[in-house]
């Protein structure tokens, strides 16, 4: 049986913690939004560097407006350790961070990699819309 790692998903730019994400009960989206982000950030900085924990750390950096640290943390998650669905989520998250930074060239590269990986991705419409919005 193939092992599937579930990771949190980004929905409208917010971190949505998956029940399988390490410490999801302790640092859920609601607690992060209600001011516990610093505690979550400290936890994930010290946590074992699993795909789930690194994903949570990257999104915590994103929420505190540290896009370069978020990008660096996403880069630590290697393609070999992810399945297609997780690669899509990482590429979509990176594209969104690049969009927020105004780095539309890298945003486009991330979205193109995502669409190459899965042309029917549920991120497809967002990718095409954002690329059209920034005239790329």
Protein backbone atom coordinates (compact mmCIF):
# COMPACT_ATOMS: atom_id res chain seq x y z
CA UNK A 1 0.00 0.00 0.00
CA UNK A 2 1.34 3.40 -1.01
CA UNK A 3 1.97 5.78 1.88
CA UNK A 4 0.30 9.16 1.50
CA UNK A 5 1.44 12.14 3.50
CA UNK A 6 -1.27 14.69 3.97
CA UNK A 7 -0.11 18.26 4.37
CA UNK A 8 -1.97 21.46 5.12
CA UNK A 9 -3.56 23.23 2.18
CA UNK A 10 -3.62 26.91 1.38
CA UNK A 11 -7.10 28.22 0.87
CA UNK A 12 -7.47 31.86 -0.06
CA UNK A 13 -4.01 32.53 1.31
CA UNK A 14 -4.68 31.11 4.78
CA UNK A 15 -3.07 28.11 6.37
CA UNK A 16 -5.54 25.30 6.91
CA UNK A 17 -4.02 22.67 9.16
CA UNK A 18 -4.57 19.06 8.21
CA UNK A 19 -5.25 16.63 11.06
CA UNK A 20 -2.15 14.73 9.89
CA UNK A 21 0.08 17.79 10.15
CA UNK A 22 2.40 17.56 13.14
CA UNK A 23 0.99 19.54 16.05
CA UNK A 24 -2.10 20.47 14.05
CA UNK A 25 -4.18 20.25 17.21
CA UNK A 26 -1.83 22.58 19.07
CA UNK A 27 -1.29 25.04 16.26
CA UNK A 28 -4.45 24.95 14.19
CA UNK A 29 -5.40 27.71 11.79
CA UNK A 30 -7.76 29.25 14.34
CA UNK A 31 -5.06 29.42 17.01
CA UNK A 32 -2.53 30.84 14.56
CA UNK A 33 -4.95 33.54 13.47
CA UNK A 34 -5.88 34.30 17.08
CA UNK A 35 -2.33 35.30 17.94
CA UNK A 36 -0.48 32.03 18.51
CA UNK A 37 1.57 32.35 15.33
CA UNK A 38 4.79 33.09 17.22
CA UNK A 39 4.37 29.90 19.28
CA UNK A 40 3.67 27.90 16.14
CA UNK A 41 6.70 29.40 14.43
CA UNK A 42 8.97 28.53 17.36
CA UNK A 43 7.57 24.99 17.46
CA UNK A 44 8.11 24.34 13.75
CA UNK A 45 11.61 25.87 13.81
CA UNK A 46 12.62 23.25 16.40
CA UNK A 47 10.54 20.35 15.05
CA UNK A 48 11.93 17.39 13.15
CA UNK A 49 12.30 18.50 9.50
CA UNK A 50 9.59 16.29 8.03
CA UNK A 51 7.70 17.33 4.91
CA UNK A 52 4.67 18.22 7.02
CA UNK A 53 6.64 20.27 9.55
CA UNK A 54 8.61 22.12 6.88
CA UNK A 55 5.38 22.90 5.06
CA UNK A 56 3.86 24.29 8.25
CA UNK A 57 7.02 26.32 8.95
CA UNK A 58 7.04 27.77 5.43
CA UNK A 59 3.43 28.84 5.77
CA UNK A 60 4.07 30.35 9.19
CA UNK A 61 6.85 32.43 7.60
CA UNK A 62 4.43 33.42 4.87
CA UNK A 63 1.83 34.56 7.37
CA UNK A 64 4.33 36.78 9.19
CA UNK A 65 5.36 38.34 5.87
CA UNK A 66 8.78 36.64 5.62
CA UNK A 67 8.51 35.45 1.99
CA UNK A 68 12.22 34.78 1.53
CA UNK A 69 12.29 32.46 4.55
CA UNK A 70 9.11 30.80 3.28
CA UNK A 71 10.68 30.21 -0.13
CA UNK A 72 13.89 28.90 1.45
CA UNK A 73 11.90 26.50 3.63
CA UNK A 74 9.81 25.24 0.69
CA UNK A 75 13.08 24.62 -1.17
CA UNK A 76 14.11 22.20 1.58
CA UNK A 77 11.20 19.96 0.66
CA UNK A 78 12.64 17.84 -2.12
CA UNK A 79 10.66 16.54 -5.08
CA UNK A 80 11.67 12.98 -4.22
CA UNK A 81 9.89 13.15 -0.89
CA UNK A 82 6.56 14.24 -2.35
CA UNK A 83 3.79 12.67 -4.34
CA UNK A 84 2.06 14.55 -7.15
CA UNK A 85 -0.61 16.11 -4.96
CA UNK A 86 2.00 17.42 -2.57
CA UNK A 87 4.16 18.77 -5.37
CA UNK A 88 1.14 20.67 -6.66
CA UNK A 89 0.53 22.21 -3.25
CA UNK A 90 4.17 23.25 -2.86
CA UNK A 91 4.30 24.76 -6.37
CA UNK A 92 1.01 26.60 -5.80
CA UNK A 93 2.27 27.94 -2.48
CA UNK A 94 5.56 29.09 -4.03
CA UNK A 95 3.70 30.74 -6.92
CA UNK A 96 1.47 32.55 -4.45
CA UNK A 97 4.46 33.81 -2.46
CA UNK A 98 6.16 35.01 -5.65
CA UNK A 99 2.90 36.73 -6.65
CA UNK A 100 2.76 38.51 -3.28
CA UNK A 101 6.40 39.59 -3.71
CA UNK A 102 5.75 40.87 -7.22
CA UNK A 103 8.20 38.36 -8.72
CA UNK A 104 5.92 37.46 -11.60
CA UNK A 105 8.59 35.62 -13.59
CA UNK A 106 9.15 33.09 -10.78
CA UNK A 107 5.40 32.95 -10.15
CA UNK A 108 4.90 31.98 -13.79
CA UNK A 109 7.66 29.35 -13.60
CA UNK A 110 6.01 27.79 -10.53
CA UNK A 111 2.56 27.77 -12.11
CA UNK A 112 3.91 26.33 -15.37
CA UNK A 113 5.67 23.54 -13.45
CA UNK A 114 2.42 22.87 -11.60
CA UNK A 115 0.39 22.72 -14.82
CA UNK A 116 3.02 20.50 -16.47
CA UNK A 117 2.80 18.14 -13.50
CA UNK A 118 -1.00 18.07 -13.63
CA UNK A 119 -2.80 19.99 -16.39
CA UNK A 120 -6.12 19.32 -14.61
CA UNK A 121 -4.92 20.56 -11.21
CA UNK A 122 -7.52 22.24 -9.05
CA UNK A 123 -5.08 25.19 -9.00
CA UNK A 124 -5.36 25.50 -12.80
CA UNK A 125 -7.92 28.30 -12.88
CA UNK A 126 -6.06 30.35 -10.28
CA UNK A 127 -2.77 29.86 -12.14
CA UNK A 128 -4.21 30.93 -15.48
CA UNK A 129 -6.06 33.88 -13.94
CA UNK A 130 -2.98 35.19 -12.12
CA UNK A 131 -0.75 34.80 -15.17
CA UNK A 132 -3.36 36.71 -17.22
CA UNK A 133 -3.73 39.41 -14.52
CA UNK A 134 -0.02 40.18 -14.54
CA UNK A 135 0.10 39.94 -18.34
CA UNK A 136 2.50 37.01 -18.49
